[in-house]
């Protein structure tokens, strides 16, 4: 499991949970958004949310649902490749 430095990720409970499942974990260096593929997805989501100009909670959730449908598998794969997690 590759984790950022969010406090909850470094908690003893999180460590126990991962160890019980046989997972190992690696913490990313602080302030390294270039190593987090999710940051590219968040950037796309935020850009589309600004365009949606949702004014209510319901409109926000509908916009998020519509935005999530815009992600294609190949695009998500490219996020992983850009961060260096995929070699092919």
Protein backbone atom coordinates (compact mmCIF):
# COMPACT_ATOMS: atom_id res chain seq x y z
CA UNK A 1 0.00 0.00 0.00
CA UNK A 2 1.44 3.37 -0.97
CA UNK A 3 0.28 6.11 1.38
CA UNK A 4 0.70 9.82 1.75
CA UNK A 5 1.51 11.37 5.10
CA UNK A 6 -2.02 12.02 6.28
CA UNK A 7 -2.05 11.52 10.05
CA UNK A 8 -4.72 8.81 9.93
CA UNK A 9 -2.53 6.78 7.54
CA UNK A 10 0.23 6.75 10.13
CA UNK A 11 -1.99 5.70 13.02
CA UNK A 12 -1.39 2.48 14.91
CA UNK A 13 -4.89 1.29 13.97
CA UNK A 14 -4.15 1.73 10.25
CA UNK A 15 -0.84 -0.12 10.62
CA UNK A 16 -2.55 -3.02 12.41
CA UNK A 17 -5.28 -3.21 9.78
CA UNK A 18 -2.75 -3.41 6.96
CA UNK A 19 -0.53 -5.92 8.74
CA UNK A 20 -3.51 -8.20 9.48
CA UNK A 21 -4.20 -8.35 5.76
CA UNK A 22 -0.60 -9.12 4.89
CA UNK A 23 -0.05 -5.75 3.26
CA UNK A 24 3.15 -3.78 3.41
CA UNK A 25 3.17 -0.05 3.18
CA UNK A 26 5.39 2.68 1.86
CA UNK A 27 4.99 6.33 2.76
CA UNK A 28 5.51 8.93 0.06
CA UNK A 29 7.80 11.87 0.74
CA UNK A 30 6.03 14.94 2.13
CA UNK A 31 4.72 17.43 -0.43
CA UNK A 32 4.96 15.09 -3.43
CA UNK A 33 1.75 15.51 -5.46
CA UNK A 34 3.65 14.36 -8.56
CA UNK A 35 3.77 10.87 -7.01
CA UNK A 36 0.02 10.74 -6.30
CA UNK A 37 -2.08 9.79 -9.34
CA UNK A 38 -5.23 10.84 -7.50
CA UNK A 39 -4.07 14.46 -7.65
CA UNK A 40 -4.61 14.49 -11.42
CA UNK A 41 -8.11 13.13 -10.94
CA UNK A 42 -8.84 15.73 -8.26
CA UNK A 43 -7.67 18.49 -10.61
CA UNK A 44 -10.09 17.30 -13.30
CA UNK A 45 -12.95 17.02 -10.81
CA UNK A 46 -12.32 20.51 -9.41
CA UNK A 47 -12.13 22.06 -12.89
CA UNK A 48 -15.47 20.51 -13.88
CA UNK A 49 -17.06 21.47 -10.56
CA UNK A 50 -16.12 25.10 -11.12
CA UNK A 51 -17.80 24.96 -14.54
CA UNK A 52 -20.90 23.29 -13.08
CA UNK A 53 -21.45 26.17 -10.65
CA UNK A 54 -23.60 23.98 -8.40
CA UNK A 55 -25.53 26.13 -5.92
CA UNK A 56 -27.11 23.45 -3.76
CA UNK A 57 -25.92 20.29 -2.07
CA UNK A 58 -28.08 18.19 -4.38
CA UNK A 59 -26.71 19.93 -7.46
CA UNK A 60 -23.19 19.36 -6.20
CA UNK A 61 -23.78 15.61 -5.81
CA UNK A 62 -25.38 15.37 -9.25
CA UNK A 63 -22.44 17.25 -10.77
CA UNK A 64 -19.97 14.93 -9.04
CA UNK A 65 -21.81 11.90 -10.38
CA UNK A 66 -21.76 13.31 -13.90
CA UNK A 67 -18.07 14.21 -13.62
CA UNK A 68 -17.09 10.74 -12.42
CA UNK A 69 -18.66 9.30 -15.58
CA UNK A 70 -16.16 11.34 -17.62
CA UNK A 71 -13.18 9.27 -16.45
CA UNK A 72 -12.16 6.63 -18.98
CA UNK A 73 -10.03 3.64 -17.97
CA UNK A 74 -7.24 4.71 -20.32
CA UNK A 75 -7.13 8.15 -18.72
CA UNK A 76 -6.85 6.65 -15.24
CA UNK A 77 -4.08 4.38 -16.49
CA UNK A 78 -2.25 7.44 -17.81
CA UNK A 79 -2.41 9.00 -14.32
CA UNK A 80 -0.62 5.92 -12.96
CA UNK A 81 1.98 5.99 -15.71
CA UNK A 82 2.66 9.72 -15.22
CA UNK A 83 3.35 9.10 -11.52
CA UNK A 84 5.75 6.27 -12.38
CA UNK A 85 3.60 3.39 -11.10
CA UNK A 86 3.23 1.64 -14.45
CA UNK A 87 5.99 0.79 -16.88
CA UNK A 88 3.91 -0.30 -19.86
